[in-house]
Amino acid sequence: MKVIKMNEIEGSTNKRGVTSKQLHKNEDVQLMNLILQPGDVVPAHAVPVNVFFYIVSGKGTLQIGDEEKVVEATDIIPCPPNTEMSLKADQDQEFIVINVKTPSL
């Protein structure tokens, strides 16, 4: 059995400027851990696959299409393919998110 220990995986700054850890990837799914510090923003963008966000800790603003909401730990938010999305750590706290893309990009 494979056990993924998120805290032991080294992060790097991704192309959107936030700390990112690739937790798992195969042809069916890509699982990323995004760590946004207060003030960090993942700019609006769209991808051609299904996306799910699981909020691990903190609070932040998530925009999916025309809707924008403050989300918090344990919330799960789906995003359909080709829908604009963005993340903002705008609640004066670290905002840690699991991002799942299926199928994998």
PDB file of N, CA and C in Angstrom:
ATOM      1  N   MET A   1       0.848  -1.169   0.000  1.00  0.00           N
ATOM      2  CA  MET A   1       0.000   0.000   0.000  1.00  0.00           C
ATOM      3  C   MET A   1       0.894   1.232   0.000  1.00  0.00           C
ATOM      4  N   LYS A   2       0.545   2.181  -0.838  1.00  0.00           N
ATOM      5  CA  LYS A   2       1.269   3.443  -0.904  1.00  0.00           C
ATOM      6  C   LYS A   2       0.595   4.443   0.034  1.00  0.00           C
ATOM      7  N   VAL A   3       1.386   5.096   0.866  1.00  0.00           N
ATOM      8  CA  VAL A   3       0.884   6.136   1.765  1.00  0.00           C
ATOM      9  C   VAL A   3       1.552   7.440   1.360  1.00  0.00           C
ATOM     10  N   ILE A   4       0.755   8.433   1.040  1.00  0.00           N
ATOM     11  CA  ILE A   4       1.272   9.745   0.649  1.00  0.00           C
ATOM     12  C   ILE A   4       1.253  10.642   1.878  1.00  0.00           C
ATOM     13  N   LYS A   5       2.408  11.111   2.284  1.00  0.00           N
ATOM     14  CA  LYS A   5       2.526  12.001   3.442  1.00  0.00           C
ATOM     15  C   LYS A   5       2.749  13.422   2.929  1.00  0.00           C
ATOM     16  N   MET A   6       1.662  14.199   2.890  1.00  0.00           N
ATOM     17  CA  MET A   6       1.719  15.551   2.324  1.00  0.00           C
ATOM     18  C   MET A   6       2.805  16.402   2.968  1.00  0.00           C
ATOM     19  N   ASN A   7       2.975  16.292   4.272  1.00  0.00           N
ATOM     20  CA  ASN A   7       3.936  17.135   4.983  1.00  0.00           C
ATOM     21  C   ASN A   7       5.387  16.772   4.680  1.00  0.00           C
ATOM     22  N   GLU A   8       5.616  15.616   4.054  1.00  0.00           N
ATOM     23  CA  GLU A   8       6.975  15.206   3.728  1.00  0.00           C
ATOM     24  C   GLU A   8       7.348  15.494   2.276  1.00  0.00           C
ATOM     25  N   ILE A   9       6.393  15.968   1.485  1.00  0.00           N
ATOM     26  CA  ILE A   9       6.656  16.278   0.080  1.00  0.00           C
ATOM     27  C   ILE A   9       7.094  17.734  -0.023  1.00  0.00           C
ATOM     28  N   GLU A  10       8.196  17.934  -0.736  1.00  0.00           N
ATOM     29  CA  GLU A  10       8.719  19.289  -0.897  1.00  0.00           C
ATOM     30  C   GLU A  10       7.884  20.046  -1.926  1.00  0.00           C
ATOM     31  N   GLY A  11       7.538  21.272  -1.599  1.00  0.00           N
ATOM     32  CA  GLY A  11       6.776  22.115  -2.509  1.00  0.00           C
ATOM     33  C   GLY A  11       7.685  22.984  -3.346  1.00  0.00           C
ATOM     34  N   SER A  12       7.120  23.526  -4.407  1.00  0.00           N
ATOM     35  CA  SER A  12       7.833  24.488  -5.248  1.00  0.00           C
ATOM     36  C   SER A  12       6.832  25.539  -5.702  1.00  0.00           C
ATOM     37  N   THR A  13       7.346  26.660  -6.138  1.00  0.00           N
ATOM     38  CA  THR A  13       6.463  27.727  -6.629  1.00  0.00           C
ATOM     39  C   THR A  13       6.010  27.357  -8.031  1.00  0.00           C
ATOM     40  N   ASN A  14       4.692  27.292  -8.239  1.00  0.00           N
ATOM     41  CA  ASN A  14       4.172  26.902  -9.553  1.00  0.00           C
ATOM     42  C   ASN A  14       4.081  28.117 -10.482  1.00  0.00           C
ATOM     43  N   LYS A  15       3.619  27.895 -11.707  1.00  0.00           N
ATOM     44  CA  LYS A  15       3.561  28.974 -12.700  1.00  0.00           C
ATOM     45  C   LYS A  15       2.573  30.075 -12.315  1.00  0.00           C
ATOM     46  N   ARG A  16       1.708  29.804 -11.344  1.00  0.00           N
ATOM     47  CA  ARG A  16       0.760  30.812 -10.891  1.00  0.00           C
ATOM     48  C   ARG A  16       1.258  31.543  -9.641  1.00  0.00           C
ATOM     49  N   GLY A  17       2.466  31.188  -9.177  1.00  0.00           N
ATOM     50  CA  GLY A  17       3.108  31.916  -8.100  1.00  0.00           C
ATOM     51  C   GLY A  17       2.798  31.459  -6.687  1.00  0.00           C
ATOM     52  N   VAL A  18       2.180  30.279  -6.524  1.00  0.00           N
ATOM     53  CA  VAL A  18       1.899  29.770  -5.172  1.00  0.00           C
ATOM     54  C   VAL A  18       2.647  28.456  -4.958  1.00  0.00           C
ATOM     55  N   THR A  19       2.829  28.091  -3.701  1.00  0.00           N
ATOM     56  CA  THR A  19       3.502  26.834  -3.379  1.00  0.00           C
ATOM     57  C   THR A  19       2.597  25.666  -3.748  1.00  0.00           C
ATOM     58  N   SER A  20       3.167  24.704  -4.442  1.00  0.00           N
ATOM     59  CA  SER A  20       2.410  23.573  -4.953  1.00  0.00           C
ATOM     60  C   SER A  20       3.196  22.291  -4.718  1.00  0.00           C
ATOM     61  N   LYS A  21       2.477  21.226  -4.337  1.00  0.00           N
ATOM     62  CA  LYS A  21       3.073  19.901  -4.167  1.00  0.00           C
ATOM     63  C   LYS A  21       2.284  18.916  -5.011  1.00  0.00           C
ATOM     64  N   GLN A  22       2.972  18.199  -5.894  1.00  0.00           N
ATOM     65  CA  GLN A  22       2.291  17.140  -6.636  1.00  0.00           C
ATOM     66  C   GLN A  22       2.235  15.912  -5.746  1.00  0.00           C
ATOM     67  N   LEU A  23       1.026  15.519  -5.351  1.00  0.00           N
ATOM     68  CA  LEU A  23       0.849  14.388  -4.439  1.00  0.00           C
ATOM     69  C   LEU A  23       0.714  13.063  -5.170  1.00  0.00           C
ATOM     70  N   HIS A  24       0.048  13.090  -6.328  1.00  0.00           N
ATOM     71  CA  HIS A  24      -0.191  11.859  -7.080  1.00  0.00           C
ATOM     72  C   HIS A  24      -0.582  12.233  -8.493  1.00  0.00           C
ATOM     73  N   LYS A  25      -0.126  11.427  -9.455  1.00  0.00           N
ATOM     74  CA  LYS A  25      -0.531  11.659 -10.845  1.00  0.00           C
ATOM     75  C   LYS A  25      -0.451  10.356 -11.616  1.00  0.00           C
ATOM     76  N   ASN A  26      -1.525  10.084 -12.354  1.00  0.00           N
ATOM     77  CA  ASN A  26      -1.524   9.012 -13.342  1.00  0.00           C
ATOM     78  C   ASN A  26      -2.434   9.471 -14.475  1.00  0.00           C
ATOM     79  N   GLU A  27      -2.764   8.601 -15.408  1.00  0.00           N
ATOM     80  CA  GLU A  27      -3.573   9.043 -16.549  1.00  0.00           C
ATOM     81  C   GLU A  27      -5.007   9.401 -16.167  1.00  0.00           C
ATOM     82  N   ASP A  28      -5.464   8.938 -15.019  1.00  0.00           N
ATOM     83  CA  ASP A  28      -6.843   9.165 -14.606  1.00  0.00           C
ATOM     84  C   ASP A  28      -7.036  10.385 -13.717  1.00  0.00           C
ATOM     85  N   VAL A  29      -6.006  10.737 -12.931  1.00  0.00           N
ATOM     86  CA  VAL A  29      -6.198  11.794 -11.930  1.00  0.00           C
ATOM     87  C   VAL A  29      -4.873  12.486 -11.626  1.00  0.00           C
ATOM     88  N   GLN A  30      -4.976  13.754 -11.285  1.00  0.00           N
ATOM     89  CA  GLN A  30      -3.828  14.511 -10.783  1.00  0.00           C
ATOM     90  C   GLN A  30      -4.249  15.147  -9.471  1.00  0.00           C
ATOM     91  N   LEU A  31      -3.445  14.949  -8.441  1.00  0.00           N
ATOM     92  CA  LEU A  31      -3.760  15.432  -7.097  1.00  0.00           C
ATOM     93  C   LEU A  31      -2.649  16.381  -6.657  1.00  0.00           C
ATOM     94  N   MET A  32      -3.019  17.646  -6.415  1.00  0.00           N
ATOM     95  CA  MET A  32      -2.055  18.677  -6.031  1.00  0.00           C
ATOM     96  C   MET A  32      -2.451  19.286  -4.691  1.00  0.00           C
ATOM     97  N   ASN A  33      -1.450  19.691  -3.940  1.00  0.00           N
ATOM     98  CA  ASN A  33      -1.653  20.408  -2.682  1.00  0.00           C
ATOM     99  C   ASN A  33      -1.182  21.841  -2.923  1.00  0.00           C
ATOM    100  N   LEU A  34      -2.089  22.807  -2.812  1.00  0.00           N
ATOM    101  CA  LEU A  34      -1.772  24.222  -2.998  1.00  0.00           C
ATOM    102  C   LEU A  34      -1.728  24.889  -1.636  1.00  0.00           C
ATOM    103  N   ILE A  35      -0.666  25.643  -1.391  1.00  0.00           N
ATOM    104  CA  ILE A  35      -0.485  26.321  -0.109  1.00  0.00           C
ATOM    105  C   ILE A  35      -0.377  27.814  -0.386  1.00  0.00           C
ATOM    106  N   LEU A  36      -1.460  28.527  -0.091  1.00  0.00           N
ATOM    107  CA  LEU A  36      -1.498  29.963  -0.328  1.00  0.00           C
ATOM    108  C   LEU A  36      -1.271  30.703   0.981  1.00  0.00           C
ATOM    109  N   GLN A  37      -0.331  31.624   0.958  1.00  0.00           N
ATOM    110  CA  GLN A  37      -0.085  32.490   2.107  1.00  0.00           C
ATOM    111  C   GLN A  37      -1.011  33.703   2.001  1.00  0.00           C
ATOM    112  N   PRO A  38      -1.288  34.387   3.109  1.00  0.00           N
ATOM    113  CA  PRO A  38      -2.173  35.555   3.043  1.00  0.00           C
ATOM    114  C   PRO A  38      -1.750  36.501   1.913  1.00  0.00           C
ATOM    115  N   GLY A  39      -2.718  36.855   1.097  1.00  0.00           N
ATOM    116  CA  GLY A  39      -2.470  37.739  -0.037  1.00  0.00           C
ATOM    117  C   GLY A  39      -2.189  37.025  -1.344  1.00  0.00           C
ATOM    118  N   ASP A  40      -1.874  35.715  -1.316  1.00  0.00           N
ATOM    119  CA  ASP A  40      -1.621  34.964  -2.552  1.00  0.00           C
ATOM    120  C   ASP A  40      -2.903  34.814  -3.357  1.00  0.00           C
ATOM    121  N   VAL A  41      -2.735  34.782  -4.674  1.00  0.00           N
ATOM    122  CA  VAL A  41      -3.870  34.631  -5.594  1.00  0.00           C
ATOM    123  C   VAL A  41      -3.481  33.663  -6.702  1.00  0.00           C
ATOM    124  N   VAL A  42      -4.360  32.725  -7.010  1.00  0.00           N
ATOM    125  CA  VAL A  42      -4.250  31.930  -8.226  1.00  0.00           C
ATOM    126  C   VAL A  42      -5.193  32.620  -9.209  1.00  0.00           C
ATOM    127  N   PRO A  43      -4.641  33.282 -10.240  1.00  0.00           N
ATOM    128  CA  PRO A  43      -5.479  34.052 -11.161  1.00  0.00           C
ATOM    129  C   PRO A  43      -6.515  33.192 -11.885  1.00  0.00           C
ATOM    130  N   ALA A  44      -7.553  33.843 -12.356  1.00  0.00           N
ATOM    131  CA  ALA A  44      -8.621  33.156 -13.082  1.00  0.00           C
ATOM    132  C   ALA A  44      -8.051  32.428 -14.303  1.00  0.00           C
ATOM    133  N   HIS A  45      -8.459  31.180 -14.437  1.00  0.00           N
ATOM    134  CA  HIS A  45      -8.056  30.349 -15.569  1.00  0.00           C
ATOM    135  C   HIS A  45      -9.058  29.199 -15.689  1.00  0.00           C
ATOM    136  N   ALA A  46      -9.023  28.497 -16.800  1.00  0.00           N
ATOM    137  CA  ALA A  46      -9.902  27.341 -17.020  1.00  0.00           C
ATOM    138  C   ALA A  46      -9.051  26.180 -17.526  1.00  0.00           C
ATOM    139  N   VAL A  47      -9.485  24.965 -17.228  1.00  0.00           N
ATOM    140  CA  VAL A  47      -8.830  23.754 -17.736  1.00  0.00           C
ATOM    141  C   VAL A  47      -9.900  22.856 -18.354  1.00  0.00           C
ATOM    142  N   PRO A  48      -9.506  21.990 -19.295  1.00  0.00           N
ATOM    143  CA  PRO A  48     -10.497  21.187 -20.028  1.00  0.00           C
ATOM    144  C   PRO A  48     -10.914  19.888 -19.332  1.00  0.00           C
ATOM    145  N   VAL A  49     -10.758  19.817 -18.001  1.00  0.00           N
ATOM    146  CA  VAL A  49     -11.105  18.599 -17.261  1.00  0.00           C
ATOM    147  C   VAL A  49     -11.923  18.969 -16.019  1.00  0.00           C
ATOM    148  N   ASN A  50     -12.517  17.964 -15.375  1.00  0.00           N
ATOM    149  CA  ASN A  50     -13.205  18.183 -14.107  1.00  0.00           C
ATOM    150  C   ASN A  50     -12.188  18.522 -13.032  1.00  0.00           C
ATOM    151  N   VAL A  51     -12.544  19.466 -12.150  1.00  0.00           N
ATOM    152  CA  VAL A  51     -11.678  19.860 -11.044  1.00  0.00           C
ATOM    153  C   VAL A  51     -12.507  19.819  -9.766  1.00  0.00           C
ATOM    154  N   PHE A  52     -11.898  19.339  -8.701  1.00  0.00           N
ATOM    155  CA  PHE A  52     -12.519  19.379  -7.377  1.00  0.00           C
ATOM    156  C   PHE A  52     -11.522  20.037  -6.431  1.00  0.00           C
ATOM    157  N   PHE A  53     -12.024  20.857  -5.542  1.00  0.00           N
ATOM    158  CA  PHE A  53     -11.202  21.480  -4.513  1.00  0.00           C
ATOM    159  C   PHE A  53     -11.651  20.949  -3.159  1.00  0.00           C
ATOM    160  N   TYR A  54     -10.702  20.532  -2.336  1.00  0.00           N
ATOM    161  CA  TYR A  54     -10.976  20.158  -0.952  1.00  0.00           C
ATOM    162  C   TYR A  54     -10.166  21.118  -0.096  1.00  0.00           C
ATOM    163  N   ILE A  55     -10.839  21.869   0.770  1.00  0.00           N
ATOM    164  CA  ILE A  55     -10.159  22.835   1.614  1.00  0.00           C
ATOM    165  C   ILE A  55      -9.636  22.102   2.850  1.00  0.00           C
ATOM    166  N   VAL A  56      -8.320  22.040   2.976  1.00  0.00           N
ATOM    167  CA  VAL A  56      -7.674  21.335   4.074  1.00  0.00           C
ATOM    168  C   VAL A  56      -7.700  22.179   5.339  1.00  0.00           C
ATOM    169  N   SER A  57      -7.300  23.454   5.201  1.00  0.00           N
ATOM    170  CA  SER A  57      -7.313  24.342   6.363  1.00  0.00           C
ATOM    171  C   SER A  57      -7.387  25.798   5.910  1.00  0.00           C
ATOM    172  N   GLY A  58      -7.808  26.635   6.847  1.00  0.00           N
ATOM    173  CA  GLY A  58      -7.927  28.055   6.570  1.00  0.00           C
ATOM    174  C   GLY A  58      -9.215  28.409   5.854  1.00  0.00           C
ATOM    175  N   LYS A  59      -9.287  29.667   5.463  1.00  0.00           N
ATOM    176  CA  LYS A  59     -10.415  30.201   4.698  1.00  0.00           C
ATOM    177  C   LYS A  59      -9.856  31.028   3.558  1.00  0.00           C
ATOM    178  N   GLY A  60     -10.595  31.073   2.467  1.00  0.00           N
ATOM    179  CA  GLY A  60     -10.218  31.889   1.325  1.00  0.00           C
ATOM    180  C   GLY A  60     -11.393  32.011   0.386  1.00  0.00           C
ATOM    181  N   THR A  61     -11.207  32.799  -0.650  1.00  0.00           N
ATOM    182  CA  THR A  61     -12.266  33.003  -1.627  1.00  0.00           C
ATOM    183  C   THR A  61     -11.991  32.152  -2.858  1.00  0.00           C
ATOM    184  N   LEU A  62     -13.012  31.407  -3.271  1.00  0.00           N
ATOM    185  CA  LEU A  62     -12.942  30.576  -4.468  1.00  0.00           C
ATOM    186  C   LEU A  62     -13.961  31.105  -5.453  1.00  0.00           C
ATOM    187  N   GLN A  63     -13.524  31.317  -6.678  1.00  0.00           N
ATOM    188  CA  GLN A  63     -14.416  31.767  -7.748  1.00  0.00           C
ATOM    189  C   GLN A  63     -14.537  30.636  -8.759  1.00  0.00           C
ATOM    190  N   ILE A  64     -15.775  30.233  -9.043  1.00  0.00           N
ATOM    191  CA  ILE A  64     -16.081  29.228 -10.054  1.00  0.00           C
ATOM    192  C   ILE A  64     -17.102  29.875 -10.988  1.00  0.00           C
ATOM    193  N   GLY A  65     -16.738  30.074 -12.250  1.00  0.00           N
ATOM    194  CA  GLY A  65     -17.634  30.755 -13.177  1.00  0.00           C
ATOM    195  C   GLY A  65     -17.949  32.146 -12.661  1.00  0.00           C
ATOM    196  N   ASP A  66     -19.235  32.482 -12.574  1.00  0.00           N
ATOM    197  CA  ASP A  66     -19.666  33.801 -12.107  1.00  0.00           C
ATOM    198  C   ASP A  66     -19.883  33.862 -10.599  1.00  0.00           C
ATOM    199  N   GLU A  67     -19.693  32.743  -9.895  1.00  0.00           N
ATOM    200  CA  GLU A  67     -19.925  32.711  -8.446  1.00  0.00           C
ATOM    201  C   GLU A  67     -18.610  32.820  -7.681  1.00  0.00           C
ATOM    202  N   GLU A  68     -18.670  33.555  -6.571  1.00  0.00           N
ATOM    203  CA  GLU A  68     -17.505  33.709  -5.707  1.00  0.00           C
ATOM    204  C   GLU A  68     -17.978  33.553  -4.267  1.00  0.00           C
ATOM    205  N   LYS A  69     -17.280  32.687  -3.497  1.00  0.00           N
ATOM    206  CA  LYS A  69     -17.669  32.438  -2.104  1.00  0.00           C
ATOM    207  C   LYS A  69     -16.436  32.253  -1.241  1.00  0.00           C
ATOM    208  N   VAL A  70     -16.588  32.621   0.021  1.00  0.00           N
ATOM    209  CA  VAL A  70     -15.561  32.293   1.009  1.00  0.00           C
ATOM    210  C   VAL A  70     -15.808  30.844   1.415  1.00  0.00           C
ATOM    211  N   VAL A  71     -14.750  30.037   1.313  1.00  0.00           N
ATOM    212  CA  VAL A  71     -14.833  28.611   1.653  1.00  0.00           C
ATOM    213  C   VAL A  71     -13.843  28.332   2.775  1.00  0.00           C
ATOM    214  N   GLU A  72     -14.080  27.227   3.491  1.00  0.00           N
ATOM    215  CA  GLU A  72     -13.239  26.937   4.654  1.00  0.00           C
ATOM    216  C   GLU A  72     -12.972  25.445   4.779  1.00  0.00           C
ATOM    217  N   ALA A  73     -12.133  25.113   5.751  1.00  0.00           N
ATOM    218  CA  ALA A  73     -11.708  23.736   5.973  1.00  0.00           C
ATOM    219  C   ALA A  73     -12.877  22.759   5.931  1.00  0.00           C
ATOM    220  N   THR A  74     -12.675  21.676   5.252  1.00  0.00           N
ATOM    221  CA  THR A  74     -13.559  20.532   4.994  1.00  0.00           C
ATOM    222  C   THR A  74     -14.587  20.779   3.896  1.00  0.00           C
ATOM    223  N   ASP A  75     -14.642  21.974   3.299  1.00  0.00           N
ATOM    224  CA  ASP A  75     -15.534  22.197   2.154  1.00  0.00           C
ATOM    225  C   ASP A  75     -14.972  21.496   0.925  1.00  0.00           C
ATOM    226  N   ILE A  76     -15.868  20.965   0.088  1.00  0.00           N
ATOM    227  CA  ILE A  76     -15.512  20.353  -1.197  1.00  0.00           C
ATOM    228  C   ILE A  76     -16.284  21.097  -2.266  1.00  0.00           C
ATOM    229  N   ILE A  77     -15.567  21.566  -3.300  1.00  0.00           N
ATOM    230  CA  ILE A  77     -16.188  22.384  -4.333  1.00  0.00           C
ATOM    231  C   ILE A  77     -15.831  21.809  -5.705  1.00  0.00           C
ATOM    232  N   PRO A  78     -16.826  21.351  -6.475  1.00  0.00           N
ATOM    233  CA  PRO A  78     -16.556  20.856  -7.827  1.00  0.00           C
ATOM    234  C   PRO A  78     -16.556  22.011  -8.835  1.00  0.00           C
ATOM    235  N   CYS A  79     -15.791  21.831  -9.901  1.00  0.00           N
ATOM    236  CA  CYS A  79     -15.736  22.803 -10.993  1.00  0.00           C
ATOM    237  C   CYS A  79     -15.775  22.029 -12.307  1.00  0.00           C
ATOM    238  N   PRO A  80     -16.770  22.300 -13.156  1.00  0.00           N
ATOM    239  CA  PRO A  80     -16.857  21.579 -14.429  1.00  0.00           C
ATOM    240  C   PRO A  80     -15.735  21.985 -15.389  1.00  0.00           C
ATOM    241  N   PRO A  81     -15.496  21.157 -16.407  1.00  0.00           N
ATOM    242  CA  PRO A  81     -14.474  21.486 -17.403  1.00  0.00           C
ATOM    243  C   PRO A  81     -14.739  22.845 -18.061  1.00  0.00           C
ATOM    244  N   ASN A  82     -13.669  23.489 -18.474  1.00  0.00           N
ATOM    245  CA  ASN A  82     -13.714  24.752 -19.226  1.00  0.00           C
ATOM    246  C   ASN A  82     -14.452  25.872 -18.503  1.00  0.00           C
ATOM    247  N   THR A  83     -14.417  25.852 -17.178  1.00  0.00           N
ATOM    248  CA  THR A  83     -15.047  26.886 -16.366  1.00  0.00           C
ATOM    249  C   THR A  83     -13.961  27.690 -15.670  1.00  0.00           C
ATOM    250  N   GLU A  84     -14.041  29.000 -15.766  1.00  0.00           N
ATOM    251  CA  GLU A  84     -13.038  29.853 -15.137  1.00  0.00           C
ATOM    252  C   GLU A  84     -13.081  29.703 -13.619  1.00  0.00           C
ATOM    253  N   MET A  85     -11.888  29.628 -13.015  1.00  0.00           N
ATOM    254  CA  MET A  85     -11.780  29.454 -11.564  1.00  0.00           C
ATOM    255  C   MET A  85     -10.610  30.282 -11.059  1.00  0.00           C
ATOM    256  N   SER A  86     -10.678  30.702  -9.795  1.00  0.00           N
ATOM    257  CA  SER A  86      -9.546  31.364  -9.151  1.00  0.00           C
ATOM    258  C   SER A  86      -9.622  31.140  -7.652  1.00  0.00           C
ATOM    259  N   LEU A  87      -8.478  31.278  -6.987  1.00  0.00           N
ATOM    260  CA  LEU A  87      -8.361  31.136  -5.532  1.00  0.00           C
ATOM    261  C   LEU A  87      -7.697  32.380  -4.978  1.00  0.00           C
ATOM    262  N   LYS A  88      -8.173  32.838  -3.827  1.00  0.00           N
ATOM    263  CA  LYS A  88      -7.568  33.994  -3.167  1.00  0.00           C
ATOM    264  C   LYS A  88      -7.435  33.719  -1.675  1.00  0.00           C
ATOM    265  N   ALA A  89      -6.237  33.924  -1.141  1.00  0.00           N
ATOM    266  CA  ALA A  89      -6.021  33.833   0.301  1.00  0.00           C
ATOM    267  C   ALA A  89      -6.247  35.237   0.864  1.00  0.00           C
ATOM    268  N   ASP A  90      -7.502  35.628   0.914  1.00  0.00           N
ATOM    269  CA  ASP A  90      -7.872  37.008   1.266  1.00  0.00           C
ATOM    270  C   ASP A  90      -8.539  37.115   2.638  1.00  0.00           C
ATOM    271  N   GLN A  91      -8.353  36.100   3.491  1.00  0.00           N
ATOM    272  CA  GLN A  91      -8.979  36.114   4.810  1.00  0.00           C
ATOM    273  C   GLN A  91      -7.933  36.218   5.928  1.00  0.00           C
ATOM    274  N   ASP A  92      -6.762  36.782   5.595  1.00  0.00           N
ATOM    275  CA  ASP A  92      -5.678  36.998   6.566  1.00  0.00           C
ATOM    276  C   ASP A  92      -5.205  35.722   7.242  1.00  0.00           C
ATOM    277  N   GLN A  93      -5.173  34.613   6.484  1.00  0.00           N
ATOM    278  CA  GLN A  93      -4.671  33.354   7.028  1.00  0.00           C
ATOM    279  C   GLN A  93      -4.186  32.456   5.899  1.00  0.00           C
ATOM    280  N   GLU A  94      -3.342  31.493   6.268  1.00  0.00           N
ATOM    281  CA  GLU A  94      -2.898  30.510   5.293  1.00  0.00           C
ATOM    282  C   GLU A  94      -4.118  29.738   4.788  1.00  0.00           C
ATOM    283  N   PHE A  95      -4.116  29.415   3.500  1.00  0.00           N
ATOM    284  CA  PHE A  95      -5.242  28.765   2.838  1.00  0.00           C
ATOM    285  C   PHE A  95      -4.672  27.538   2.120  1.00  0.00           C
ATOM    286  N   ILE A  96      -4.968  26.342   2.643  1.00  0.00           N
ATOM    287  CA  ILE A  96      -4.390  25.104   2.098  1.00  0.00           C
ATOM    288  C   ILE A  96      -5.491  24.293   1.425  1.00  0.00           C
ATOM    289  N   VAL A  97      -5.237  23.932   0.167  1.00  0.00           N
ATOM    290  CA  VAL A  97      -6.252  23.336  -0.690  1.00  0.00           C
ATOM    291  C   VAL A  97      -5.684  22.105  -1.395  1.00  0.00           C
ATOM    292  N   ILE A  98      -6.501  21.066  -1.510  1.00  0.00           N
ATOM    293  CA  ILE A  98      -6.203  19.935  -2.387  1.00  0.00           C
ATOM    294  C   ILE A  98      -6.975  20.185  -3.675  1.00  0.00           C
ATOM    295  N   ASN A  99      -6.264  20.085  -4.788  1.00  0.00           N
ATOM    296  CA  ASN A  99      -6.844  20.298  -6.112  1.00  0.00           C
ATOM    297  C   ASN A  99      -6.774  18.951  -6.845  1.00  0.00           C
ATOM    298  N   VAL A 100      -7.923  18.454  -7.287  1.00  0.00           N
ATOM    299  CA  VAL A 100      -7.992  17.171  -7.994  1.00  0.00           C
ATOM    300  C   VAL A 100      -8.481  17.419  -9.408  1.00  0.00           C
ATOM    301  N   LYS A 101      -7.708  16.965 -10.392  1.00  0.00           N
ATOM    302  CA  LYS A 101      -8.102  17.079 -11.801  1.00  0.00           C
ATOM    303  C   LYS A 101      -8.317  15.677 -12.345  1.00  0.00           C
ATOM    304  N   THR A 102      -9.457  15.492 -13.015  1.00  0.00           N
ATOM    305  CA  THR A 102      -9.744  14.183 -13.596  1.00  0.00           C
ATOM    306  C   THR A 102     -10.440  14.357 -14.949  1.00  0.00           C
ATOM    307  N   PRO A 103      -9.952  13.738 -15.996  1.00  0.00           N
ATOM    308  CA  PRO A 103      -8.716  12.976 -16.021  1.00  0.00           C
ATOM    309  C   PRO A 103      -7.510  13.903 -15.882  1.00  0.00           C
ATOM    310  N   SER A 104      -6.356  13.321 -15.703  1.00  0.00           N
ATOM    311  CA  SER A 104      -5.124  14.076 -15.498  1.00  0.00           C
ATOM    312  C   SER A 104      -4.773  14.892 -16.737  1.00  0.00           C
ATOM    313  N   LEU A 105      -4.127  16.021 -16.501  1.00  0.00           N
ATOM    314  CA  LEU A 105      -3.629  16.836 -17.621  1.00  0.00           C
ATOM    315  C   LEU A 105      -2.205  16.480 -17.936  1.00  0.00           C
TER     316      LEU A 105
END
